[in-house]
Amino acid sequence: MKFEELNLNPLLQKAIDDIGFTELTPIQEQSIPHALEGEDITGVAQTGTGKTISYLIPIINKLLKENYEDPCSLIVAPTRELVAQISEETNKLLRYTDKKVSTIIGGVSYKEQDKSLQDKCDIIVATPGRLIDYIKAGNLKLNSIQFLVLDEADRMFDMGFIKDISYIIHKTPKHRQTMMYSATLSYYSIRVASDYLKEPVEIKIESDNIAPENIDQKIIHLGRQEKLPYLINLILNDETEGLGIIFTNLKMMVGDLVNSLRNYGIAVTGISSLLEQKKRVKLLKEFKLGKYQYMVATDVASRGLDIDNVKVVYNFDLPMDAESYVHRIGRTARAGKKGLSLSMCSEKDYTELEKIERLLNYKIPTMEINEDYLTFPKGKFVKFLEIGHKASNNEKTIIKNKKSESKKFKTYHRNLNLNKEEKSQKLIAPIEEAKIYLQKADLVLNQEVGKNVKPIQNQKRNFDKKKKNTKPGNSDRNDISSSYNKSKRNLFDINDLSYRENKKSTSIWKKIKSLFGR
């Protein structure tokens, strides 16, 4: 079915033509006609099938027809990134109209959002938390809402938003049209649908494969220490055009991966919950525009984000739940395009791999290892630097501390730079002394102490004399102990004799006798 057959508002149809949409996807073909008739919808389809357009087109078409004065539409999504993307798609469809969109998300100044709401917005796209803040503060009323959409509903319920969603729904009029879209049909999805939707049209797009068929999936078995050099080599030797996303499980790893890749001239950025929302939105936008070729991300970017021209998804870590794997690789092969997924499985990832293959009901093909990729690339590389990057105060402090540590390190090792004769003597002396003690012990065991004590005592005296003469200034042990400055001691100070201070000397002969009860 073609979009032209829907008899949409000419301004909306013109925007659709500009975007390049012609044929409806299965979820769009089955849901849009019912939504245009004002019916409630529950839509279940896998990621990348066009669910966002399924609800935006009916809402905008009705908005242009009725010309509501107050905000008439509310779209609720689980993450800030998804809200930003929905707003972007909505603005594209409103291109030839005077209608406005307002986003309400956490991590952004209230003043900016207040101004956006006061400028007569028509569609509100929000995350649950900040939206409830506005409602409870009395700064936003939802009594004019005609259309309510719950996007990625299963994800919101997984994140613990079930009570928040119920609170928001109760603040909207009962005569509203409600549409709920999800990748899976969970218990909470069914519960919300039965409690708050009026005889909804149930649409479920079945697929033989949970993951899209046009994604070429590969698994690479590597040791943990081999993953980074292998990833760098894969990227440097990839000549295909397009963008790439690298997923890791730990937000603390995002910065490390970005820095490592940039050292080899790779145009990469990273997003995680550690960044402020404004920064995340800015970096995501620049990635979409092609300023960066690769983006390192946690699962914050695994759901709902529609980024054109993503050629490959790298799973640097296998996700800890199988469904996240499906959403991750779904960032490529969007809108019927082909894509590639390369997942690195180390010795600690086999449990996750089993879960993923069980969910997919599919054995992911193993990629042959290129031995040359197991070590870091050699040669000179020009480090990739962000345009207009200026060091923050925190970065300046880190650089200053590193310089200070480097200076201390050099001074410390300069003090340890002893000449070869001193080093050799200080290493040999304890060994020679130990040999003498062992000889004494052997004599005791052989009951030959009376015959050989004198020669050994002479040997010990000669050794002490030789040892004394090798010390700088021929100073004795007491002089060394008294002149030693404890405040300058370091962990590897081989001159530290403090353990001998205030301790009476006990002859080795008495110690050996005590072993035999004498």
Protein backbone atom coordinates (compact mmCIF):
# COMPACT_ATOMS: atom_id res chain seq x y z
CA MET A 1 0.00 0.00 0.00
CA LYS A 2 1.23 3.52 -0.84
CA PHE A 3 0.94 6.62 1.32
CA GLU A 4 -0.87 8.39 -1.51
CA GLU A 5 -3.79 5.98 -1.07
CA LEU A 6 -4.45 7.23 2.48
CA ASN A 7 -5.90 10.58 1.26
CA LEU A 8 -3.90 12.59 3.77
CA ASN A 9 -3.76 16.36 4.17
CA PRO A 10 -1.77 17.80 1.20
CA LEU A 11 0.72 19.54 3.50
CA LEU A 12 1.38 16.28 5.33
CA GLN A 13 1.63 14.31 2.08
CA LYS A 14 4.14 16.81 0.73
CA ALA A 15 6.35 16.34 3.84
CA ILE A 16 6.10 12.54 3.44
CA ASP A 17 7.23 12.84 -0.18
CA ASP A 18 10.19 14.98 0.88
CA ILE A 19 11.28 12.35 3.40
CA GLY A 20 11.07 9.72 0.67
CA PHE A 21 8.38 7.45 2.09
CA THR A 22 6.34 5.69 -0.58
CA GLU A 23 5.32 2.20 0.57
CA LEU A 24 3.81 1.48 4.00
CA THR A 25 5.47 -1.14 6.19
CA PRO A 26 3.25 -3.98 7.52
CA ILE A 27 2.72 -2.31 10.93
CA GLN A 28 1.87 0.99 9.22
CA GLU A 29 -0.49 -0.61 6.71
CA GLN A 30 -2.44 -2.42 9.42
CA SER A 31 -2.58 0.36 12.01
CA ILE A 32 -2.80 3.76 10.23
CA PRO A 33 -6.25 3.23 8.63
CA HIS A 34 -7.75 2.26 12.03
CA ALA A 35 -6.01 5.16 13.77
CA LEU A 36 -7.34 7.60 11.15
CA GLU A 37 -10.82 6.37 12.11
CA GLY A 38 -10.16 7.31 15.76
CA GLU A 39 -9.83 3.79 17.14
CA ASP A 40 -7.51 2.82 19.99
CA ILE A 41 -4.50 0.77 18.90
CA THR A 42 -2.12 -1.74 20.44
CA GLY A 43 0.73 -2.36 18.02
CA VAL A 44 3.44 -4.98 18.50
CA ALA A 45 6.28 -5.19 16.01
CA GLN A 46 10.01 -5.65 16.13
CA THR A 47 12.40 -2.73 16.09
CA GLY A 48 13.01 -0.87 12.85
CA THR A 49 9.57 -1.50 11.32
CA GLY A 50 8.27 2.08 11.36
CA LYS A 51 6.10 2.20 14.49
CA THR A 52 6.75 5.93 15.05
CA ILE A 53 5.24 6.89 11.69
CA SER A 54 2.27 4.62 12.46
CA TYR A 55 1.00 6.98 15.14
CA LEU A 56 2.41 10.33 13.97
CA ILE A 57 0.59 10.39 10.63
CA PRO A 58 -2.94 9.88 12.09
CA ILE A 59 -2.29 12.48 14.83
CA ILE A 60 -0.92 15.16 12.48
CA ASN A 61 -3.60 14.55 9.87
CA LYS A 62 -6.32 15.03 12.51
CA LEU A 63 -4.50 18.05 13.97
CA LEU A 64 -4.45 19.81 10.57
CA LYS A 65 -8.11 18.99 10.03
CA GLU A 66 -9.52 20.06 13.42
CA ASN A 67 -7.09 22.92 14.22
CA TYR A 68 -7.07 22.52 18.03
CA GLU A 69 -6.08 25.57 20.10
CA ASP A 70 -4.46 23.88 23.10
CA PRO A 71 -1.91 21.02 23.21
CA CYS A 72 -3.91 18.13 21.86
CA SER A 73 -1.35 15.33 21.65
CA LEU A 74 0.89 13.71 24.25
CA ILE A 75 3.54 11.15 23.34
CA VAL A 76 5.34 9.44 26.24
CA ALA A 77 8.62 7.56 25.69
CA PRO A 78 11.10 5.93 28.11
CA THR A 79 14.35 7.73 27.26
CA ARG A 80 15.50 11.24 26.46
CA GLU A 81 17.17 10.10 23.25
CA LEU A 82 13.97 8.50 22.00
CA VAL A 83 12.00 11.64 22.87
CA ALA A 84 14.48 13.74 20.90
CA GLN A 85 14.18 11.42 17.93
CA ILE A 86 10.37 11.41 17.98
CA SER A 87 10.41 15.22 18.12
CA GLU A 88 12.77 15.31 15.15
CA GLU A 89 10.52 13.01 13.10
CA THR A 90 7.45 15.06 14.08
CA ASN A 91 9.07 18.31 12.98
CA LYS A 92 9.86 16.77 9.59
CA LEU A 93 6.19 15.90 9.10
CA LEU A 94 5.12 19.38 10.28
CA ARG A 95 7.54 21.08 7.90
CA TYR A 96 4.89 22.83 5.81
CA THR A 97 2.59 23.73 8.71
CA ASP A 98 2.65 26.23 11.59
CA LYS A 99 2.22 23.53 14.24
CA LYS A 100 4.82 23.19 17.00
CA VAL A 101 6.34 20.45 19.12
CA SER A 102 7.52 20.76 22.72
CA THR A 103 9.86 18.27 24.41
CA ILE A 104 9.83 17.69 28.16
CA ILE A 105 12.79 15.71 29.43
CA GLY A 106 15.07 15.64 32.45
CA GLY A 107 18.59 17.02 32.39
CA VAL A 108 17.52 20.21 30.58
CA SER A 109 16.77 23.66 32.00
CA TYR A 110 13.17 24.20 33.09
CA LYS A 111 13.27 27.73 31.62
CA GLU A 112 13.75 26.45 28.07
CA GLN A 113 10.90 23.99 28.43
CA ASP A 114 8.64 26.58 30.08
CA LYS A 115 9.16 28.89 27.12
CA SER A 116 8.43 26.07 24.67
CA LEU A 117 5.13 25.26 26.42
CA GLN A 118 4.09 28.90 26.58
CA ASP A 119 4.64 29.36 22.83
CA LYS A 120 1.45 27.45 22.06
CA CYS A 121 2.68 23.97 21.32
CA ASP A 122 0.42 21.41 19.68
CA ILE A 123 2.24 18.16 20.38
CA ILE A 124 4.11 17.30 23.61
CA VAL A 125 6.74 14.57 23.61
CA ALA A 126 7.97 13.68 27.11
CA THR A 127 9.65 11.26 29.45
CA PRO A 128 7.47 10.23 32.43
CA GLY A 129 9.56 11.73 35.25
CA ARG A 130 9.85 15.35 34.08
CA LEU A 131 6.27 15.30 32.77
CA ILE A 132 4.96 14.41 36.24
CA ASP A 133 7.08 17.21 37.75
CA TYR A 134 5.26 19.71 35.53
CA ILE A 135 1.85 18.24 36.31
CA LYS A 136 2.37 18.27 40.08
CA ALA A 137 3.78 21.81 40.00
CA GLY A 138 0.59 22.95 38.28
CA ASN A 139 2.50 24.19 35.22
CA LEU A 140 0.89 21.77 32.79
CA LYS A 141 -2.66 20.50 32.50
CA LEU A 142 -3.58 17.58 30.30
CA ASN A 143 -7.33 18.17 30.11
CA SER A 144 -7.07 19.23 26.43
CA ILE A 145 -5.28 16.05 25.31
CA GLN A 146 -7.08 14.27 22.48
CA PHE A 147 -4.36 11.78 21.53
CA LEU A 148 -2.19 9.81 23.94
CA VAL A 149 0.64 7.59 22.71
CA LEU A 150 2.76 5.23 24.80
CA ASP A 151 5.84 4.45 22.70
CA GLU A 152 8.16 1.57 23.64
CA ALA A 153 5.64 0.73 26.36
CA ASP A 154 7.36 -2.52 27.36
CA ARG A 155 10.62 -0.65 27.99
CA MET A 156 8.85 1.90 30.21
CA PHE A 157 7.29 -0.87 32.26
CA ASP A 158 10.64 -2.67 32.53
CA MET A 159 12.14 0.57 33.86
CA GLY A 160 9.53 0.76 36.62
CA PHE A 161 7.28 3.45 35.14
CA ILE A 162 3.99 1.55 35.52
CA LYS A 163 2.73 3.79 38.36
CA ASP A 164 3.88 6.93 36.56
CA ILE A 165 2.05 5.90 33.40
CA SER A 166 -1.12 5.24 35.37
CA TYR A 167 -0.83 8.67 37.01
CA ILE A 168 -0.39 10.39 33.63
CA ILE A 169 -3.30 8.52 32.03
CA HIS A 170 -5.62 9.55 34.89
CA LYS A 171 -4.80 13.21 34.20
CA THR A 172 -6.00 12.98 30.59
CA PRO A 173 -9.67 13.07 29.44
CA LYS A 174 -11.47 9.75 29.16
CA HIS A 175 -12.65 10.51 25.61
CA ARG A 176 -9.05 10.59 24.29
CA GLN A 177 -7.74 8.27 21.57
CA THR A 178 -4.98 6.04 22.98
CA MET A 179 -2.31 4.21 21.01
CA MET A 180 0.28 1.92 22.56
CA TYR A 181 3.23 0.56 20.59
CA SER A 182 5.78 -1.95 21.77
CA ALA A 183 8.36 -4.46 20.56
CA THR A 184 7.02 -7.17 22.86
CA LEU A 185 3.70 -7.81 24.57
CA SER A 186 4.45 -7.98 28.30
CA TYR A 187 2.11 -8.56 31.23
CA TYR A 188 2.01 -4.85 32.05
CA SER A 189 1.27 -3.97 28.42
CA ILE A 190 -1.79 -6.22 28.49
CA ARG A 191 -2.85 -4.81 31.86
CA VAL A 192 -2.64 -1.18 30.69
CA ALA A 193 -4.42 -2.02 27.45
CA SER A 194 -7.31 -3.68 29.31
CA ASP A 195 -7.60 -0.91 31.93
CA TYR A 196 -7.20 2.24 29.84
CA LEU A 197 -7.87 1.48 26.15
CA LYS A 198 -11.38 1.27 24.68
CA GLU A 199 -11.76 -1.93 22.66
CA PRO A 200 -8.36 -1.47 21.00
CA VAL A 201 -7.54 -2.87 17.60
CA GLU A 202 -4.80 -5.42 18.30
CA ILE A 203 -2.07 -5.52 15.67
CA LYS A 204 0.87 -7.89 15.91
CA ILE A 205 3.38 -8.30 13.15
CA GLU A 206 4.79 -11.80 13.39
CA SER A 207 8.28 -12.62 12.18
CA ASP A 208 9.93 -15.98 11.74
CA ASN A 209 13.15 -14.45 12.97
CA ILE A 210 13.21 -12.14 15.98
CA ALA A 211 16.18 -10.32 14.46
CA PRO A 212 15.64 -8.80 10.98
CA GLU A 213 16.64 -11.13 8.16
CA ASN A 214 18.63 -8.45 6.37
CA ILE A 215 21.22 -8.27 9.18
CA ASP A 216 24.32 -10.39 8.61
CA GLN A 217 25.19 -11.59 12.12
CA LYS A 218 28.66 -12.82 13.06
CA ILE A 219 30.28 -13.88 16.34
CA ILE A 220 34.04 -13.55 17.00
CA HIS A 221 35.60 -15.61 19.81
CA LEU A 222 38.41 -13.60 21.42
CA GLY A 223 40.19 -13.25 24.73
CA ARG A 224 39.33 -10.16 26.78
CA GLN A 225 42.72 -8.58 26.05
CA GLU A 226 42.37 -9.27 22.32
CA LYS A 227 39.07 -7.46 21.79
CA LEU A 228 40.39 -3.88 21.64
CA PRO A 229 43.20 -4.46 19.11
CA TYR A 230 40.86 -6.61 17.03
CA LEU A 231 38.17 -3.91 17.02
CA ILE A 232 40.69 -1.24 15.97
CA ASN A 233 41.97 -3.41 13.12
CA LEU A 234 38.44 -4.22 11.95
CA ILE A 235 37.55 -0.53 11.74
CA LEU A 236 40.80 0.54 10.08
CA ASN A 237 40.40 -2.15 7.42
CA ASP A 238 36.70 -1.50 6.75
CA GLU A 239 36.37 0.31 3.43
CA THR A 240 32.57 0.33 3.21
CA GLU A 241 30.78 3.66 3.56
CA GLY A 242 28.37 4.39 6.39
CA LEU A 243 28.17 4.81 10.14
CA GLY A 244 28.91 2.34 12.92
CA ILE A 245 27.81 1.91 16.54
CA ILE A 246 29.95 0.17 19.17
CA PHE A 247 28.07 -1.14 22.21
CA THR A 248 29.60 -1.78 25.62
CA ASN A 249 27.92 -2.84 28.87
CA LEU A 250 29.78 -0.41 31.13
CA LYS A 251 29.33 3.35 30.93
CA MET A 252 32.83 3.77 32.42
CA MET A 253 34.23 1.98 29.34
CA VAL A 254 32.76 4.46 26.85
CA GLY A 255 35.42 7.13 27.40
CA ASP A 256 38.25 4.57 27.37
CA LEU A 257 37.12 3.09 24.06
CA VAL A 258 36.66 6.52 22.49
CA ASN A 259 40.17 7.62 23.50
CA SER A 260 41.74 4.37 22.31
CA LEU A 261 40.06 4.56 18.91
CA ARG A 262 40.89 8.24 18.47
CA ASN A 263 44.58 7.49 19.00
CA TYR A 264 44.42 5.57 15.70
CA GLY A 265 42.76 8.43 13.83
CA ILE A 266 39.22 7.03 14.01
CA ALA A 267 36.48 9.69 14.01
CA VAL A 268 34.49 8.46 17.00
CA THR A 269 32.41 9.90 19.82
CA GLY A 270 30.53 8.32 22.73
CA ILE A 271 27.34 8.77 24.72
CA SER A 272 26.29 7.41 28.10
CA SER A 273 24.29 8.49 31.14
CA LEU A 274 27.47 10.10 32.54
CA LEU A 275 27.08 12.98 30.05
CA GLU A 276 24.69 15.87 30.50
CA GLN A 277 21.57 15.65 28.37
CA LYS A 278 22.48 18.64 26.21
CA LYS A 279 25.84 17.09 25.40
CA ARG A 280 24.26 13.73 24.56
CA VAL A 281 21.73 15.31 22.22
CA LYS A 282 24.45 17.39 20.55
CA LEU A 283 26.78 14.42 20.01
CA LEU A 284 23.94 12.23 18.73
CA LYS A 285 22.94 14.92 16.24
CA GLU A 286 26.53 15.34 15.05
CA PHE A 287 26.84 11.58 14.64
CA LYS A 288 23.71 11.48 12.50
CA LEU A 289 25.10 14.30 10.34
CA GLY A 290 28.33 12.38 9.80
CA LYS A 291 30.76 14.49 11.83
CA TYR A 292 31.72 11.23 13.53
CA GLN A 293 31.82 7.91 11.71
CA TYR A 294 31.49 5.79 14.84
CA MET A 295 29.70 6.14 18.15
CA VAL A 296 30.43 4.18 21.34
CA ALA A 297 27.34 3.74 23.50
CA THR A 298 25.71 1.78 26.27
CA ASP A 299 22.18 0.38 25.97
CA VAL A 300 20.91 3.95 26.30
CA ALA A 301 21.14 3.97 22.49
CA SER A 302 19.90 0.44 21.85
CA ARG A 303 16.17 1.12 21.68
CA GLY A 304 14.10 3.25 19.40
CA LEU A 305 16.88 5.36 17.90
CA ASP A 306 16.43 5.63 14.15
CA ILE A 307 19.76 6.60 12.60
CA ASP A 308 20.10 6.43 8.84
CA ASN A 309 23.01 4.71 7.14
CA VAL A 310 24.28 2.63 10.08
CA LYS A 311 26.25 -0.04 8.21
CA VAL A 312 27.56 -2.03 11.17
CA VAL A 313 26.94 -2.66 14.86
CA TYR A 314 29.84 -3.90 16.99
CA ASN A 315 29.03 -5.60 20.30
CA PHE A 316 32.29 -5.03 22.17
CA ASP A 317 30.53 -6.75 25.10
CA LEU A 318 27.65 -9.15 24.70
CA PRO A 319 24.61 -7.70 26.52
CA MET A 320 23.54 -9.29 29.79
CA ASP A 321 20.00 -9.94 28.53
CA ALA A 322 19.12 -11.45 25.18
CA GLU A 323 16.45 -8.92 24.20
CA SER A 324 18.99 -6.09 24.37
CA TYR A 325 21.01 -7.91 21.71
CA VAL A 326 18.04 -7.79 19.33
CA HIS A 327 17.54 -4.08 19.97
CA ARG A 328 21.24 -3.33 19.58
CA ILE A 329 21.67 -4.97 16.20
CA GLY A 330 18.36 -3.41 15.15
CA ARG A 331 20.15 -0.06 14.88
CA THR A 332 21.39 -1.23 11.48
CA ALA A 333 19.37 -2.47 8.51
CA ARG A 334 16.69 0.16 9.07
CA ALA A 335 13.82 0.64 6.61
CA GLY A 336 14.63 -2.48 4.60
CA LYS A 337 18.36 -1.79 4.19
CA LYS A 338 21.06 -4.39 4.77
CA GLY A 339 23.41 -4.29 7.74
CA LEU A 340 26.15 -6.13 9.58
CA SER A 341 26.45 -7.15 13.25
CA LEU A 342 29.81 -8.29 14.70
CA SER A 343 29.76 -9.49 18.31
CA MET A 344 32.89 -10.21 20.34
CA CYS A 345 32.54 -13.15 22.73
CA SER A 346 35.21 -13.59 25.37
CA GLU A 347 35.59 -16.32 27.98
CA LYS A 348 33.11 -14.57 30.30
CA ASP A 349 30.37 -14.14 27.69
CA TYR A 350 29.39 -17.72 26.87
CA THR A 351 26.37 -17.72 29.17
CA GLU A 352 25.01 -14.62 27.44
CA LEU A 353 25.68 -16.13 24.02
CA GLU A 354 23.63 -19.20 24.88
CA LYS A 355 20.69 -17.03 25.98
CA ILE A 356 20.87 -14.94 22.81
CA GLU A 357 20.94 -17.96 20.49
CA ARG A 358 18.10 -19.57 22.44
CA LEU A 359 15.96 -16.44 22.00
CA LEU A 360 16.83 -16.15 18.31
CA ASN A 361 16.41 -19.90 17.79
CA TYR A 362 19.43 -19.45 15.60
CA LYS A 363 23.10 -20.39 15.76
CA ILE A 364 25.08 -17.22 15.04
CA PRO A 365 27.84 -18.02 12.51
CA THR A 366 31.40 -17.81 13.81
CA MET A 367 33.79 -15.45 12.05
CA GLU A 368 37.26 -16.75 11.23
CA ILE A 369 40.02 -15.07 13.26
CA ASN A 370 42.59 -12.96 11.44
CA GLU A 371 45.81 -13.52 13.40
CA ASP A 372 47.21 -10.16 12.26
CA TYR A 373 44.33 -8.36 14.02
CA LEU A 374 45.21 -9.72 17.47
CA THR A 375 47.90 -7.09 18.02
CA PHE A 376 47.60 -3.33 17.85
CA PRO A 377 48.34 -1.79 14.44
CA LYS A 378 51.86 -0.53 13.92
CA GLY A 379 52.88 2.71 12.26
CA LYS A 380 52.24 6.40 12.73
CA PHE A 381 48.65 7.53 13.25
CA VAL A 382 47.30 11.07 13.49
CA LYS A 383 45.06 11.28 16.55
CA PHE A 384 41.49 12.35 15.85
CA LEU A 385 40.60 15.56 17.70
CA GLU A 386 37.20 17.12 18.10
CA ILE A 387 36.80 20.39 16.22
CA GLY A 388 36.80 23.37 18.58
CA HIS A 389 37.58 21.21 21.59
CA LYS A 390 38.77 23.14 24.65
CA ALA A 391 40.01 21.53 27.83
CA SER A 392 37.57 21.85 30.73
CA ASN A 393 38.72 22.82 34.22
CA ASN A 394 38.50 19.16 35.21
CA GLU A 395 40.64 18.12 32.23
CA LYS A 396 43.19 20.83 33.05
CA THR A 397 43.40 19.55 36.65
CA ILE A 398 43.96 15.99 35.39
CA ILE A 399 46.72 17.15 33.03
CA LYS A 400 48.39 19.15 35.82
CA ASN A 401 48.28 16.17 38.19
CA LYS A 402 49.72 13.89 35.51
CA LYS A 403 52.62 16.29 34.95
CA SER A 404 53.27 16.44 38.70
CA GLU A 405 53.18 12.65 38.98
CA SER A 406 55.55 12.36 36.03
CA LYS A 407 58.05 14.74 37.71
CA LYS A 408 57.92 12.77 40.98
CA PHE A 409 58.37 9.53 39.05
CA LYS A 410 61.53 10.80 37.32
CA THR A 411 63.00 12.14 40.60
CA TYR A 412 62.28 8.89 42.38
CA HIS A 413 64.00 6.78 39.77
CA ARG A 414 66.95 9.17 39.61
CA ASN A 415 67.51 8.51 43.33
CA LEU A 416 67.42 4.79 42.66
CA ASN A 417 69.98 5.05 39.88
CA LEU A 418 72.85 3.51 41.88
CA ASN A 419 76.12 2.54 40.26
CA LYS A 420 76.59 -1.08 39.22
CA GLU A 421 79.12 -1.88 41.99
CA GLU A 422 76.77 -0.71 44.76
CA LYS A 423 73.80 -2.55 43.25
CA SER A 424 75.78 -5.75 42.88
CA GLN A 425 77.18 -5.58 46.44
CA LYS A 426 73.78 -4.86 48.00
CA LEU A 427 72.25 -7.81 46.20
CA ILE A 428 75.11 -10.24 46.91
CA ALA A 429 75.62 -9.36 50.61
CA PRO A 430 72.38 -10.93 51.93
CA ILE A 431 72.99 -14.05 49.85
CA GLU A 432 76.55 -14.51 51.18
CA GLU A 433 75.33 -13.98 54.75
CA ALA A 434 72.60 -16.56 54.27
CA LYS A 435 75.14 -19.08 52.96
CA ILE A 436 77.21 -18.69 56.16
CA TYR A 437 74.14 -19.24 58.36
CA LEU A 438 73.25 -22.37 56.40
CA GLN A 439 76.81 -23.69 56.80
CA LYS A 440 76.49 -23.25 60.58
CA ALA A 441 73.21 -25.11 60.59
CA ASP A 442 74.78 -28.00 58.64
CA LEU A 443 77.61 -28.20 61.15
CA VAL A 444 75.19 -28.44 64.07
CA LEU A 445 73.29 -31.23 62.41
CA ASN A 446 76.54 -33.15 61.74
CA GLN A 447 77.71 -32.58 65.34
CA GLU A 448 80.95 -30.99 64.13
CA VAL A 449 80.55 -27.63 65.79
CA GLY A 450 83.66 -27.91 68.00
CA LYS A 451 85.96 -28.59 65.06
CA ASN A 452 84.77 -25.93 62.70
CA VAL A 453 83.38 -22.97 64.66
CA LYS A 454 86.64 -21.03 64.62
CA PRO A 455 87.19 -21.09 60.84
CA ILE A 456 83.58 -20.02 60.32
CA GLN A 457 83.93 -17.19 62.82
CA ASN A 458 87.04 -16.09 60.95
CA GLN A 459 85.13 -16.32 57.66
CA LYS A 460 82.30 -14.24 59.14
CA ARG A 461 84.79 -11.66 60.45
CA ASN A 462 86.47 -11.40 57.05
CA PHE A 463 83.08 -11.03 55.35
CA ASP A 464 82.03 -8.25 57.77
CA LYS A 465 85.34 -6.46 57.17
CA LYS A 466 84.88 -6.72 53.39
CA LYS A 467 81.30 -5.57 53.68
CA LYS A 468 82.30 -2.60 55.86
CA ASN A 469 84.97 -1.47 53.41
CA THR A 470 82.50 -1.43 50.49
CA LYS A 471 80.21 1.13 52.18
CA PRO A 472 80.64 4.81 51.24
CA GLY A 473 82.78 6.63 53.81
CA ASN A 474 83.51 3.35 55.69
CA SER A 475 80.80 4.28 58.17
CA ASP A 476 79.47 1.62 60.54
CA ARG A 477 75.92 0.39 60.87
CA ASN A 478 75.04 2.71 63.75
CA ASP A 479 76.13 5.73 61.70
CA ILE A 480 73.90 4.67 58.82
CA SER A 481 70.90 4.17 61.10
CA SER A 482 71.35 7.51 62.83
CA SER A 483 71.76 9.46 59.57
CA TYR A 484 68.87 7.77 57.78
CA ASN A 485 65.95 10.14 57.14
CA LYS A 486 62.64 8.26 57.48
CA SER A 487 60.68 11.06 55.82
CA LYS A 488 62.45 10.31 52.52
CA ARG A 489 61.79 6.58 52.64
CA ASN A 490 60.14 4.97 49.62
CA LEU A 491 58.71 1.53 49.07
CA PHE A 492 61.83 0.24 47.36
CA ASP A 493 64.45 1.82 49.68
CA ILE A 494 67.00 -0.97 50.07
CA ASN A 495 68.94 1.07 52.67
CA ASP A 496 66.07 1.01 55.15
CA LEU A 497 67.43 -0.59 58.34
CA SER A 498 64.73 0.71 60.66
CA TYR A 499 63.56 -2.83 61.35
CA ARG A 500 66.82 -3.39 63.27
CA GLU A 501 66.50 -0.32 65.50
CA ASN A 502 66.05 -0.85 69.26
CA LYS A 503 66.42 -4.56 68.79
CA LYS A 504 69.15 -6.47 70.68
CA SER A 505 71.41 -8.63 68.59
CA THR A 506 70.99 -12.39 69.10
CA SER A 507 73.74 -14.68 67.89
CA ILE A 508 72.86 -17.12 65.20
CA TRP A 509 74.52 -19.86 67.30
CA LYS A 510 71.92 -19.38 70.08
CA LYS A 511 69.12 -19.46 67.54
CA ILE A 512 70.38 -22.75 66.09
CA LYS A 513 70.77 -24.26 69.58
CA SER A 514 67.22 -23.26 70.48
CA LEU A 515 65.97 -25.33 67.58
CA PHE A 516 67.28 -28.43 69.33
CA GLY A 517 66.05 -27.44 72.82
CA ARG A 518 69.56 -26.52 74.11
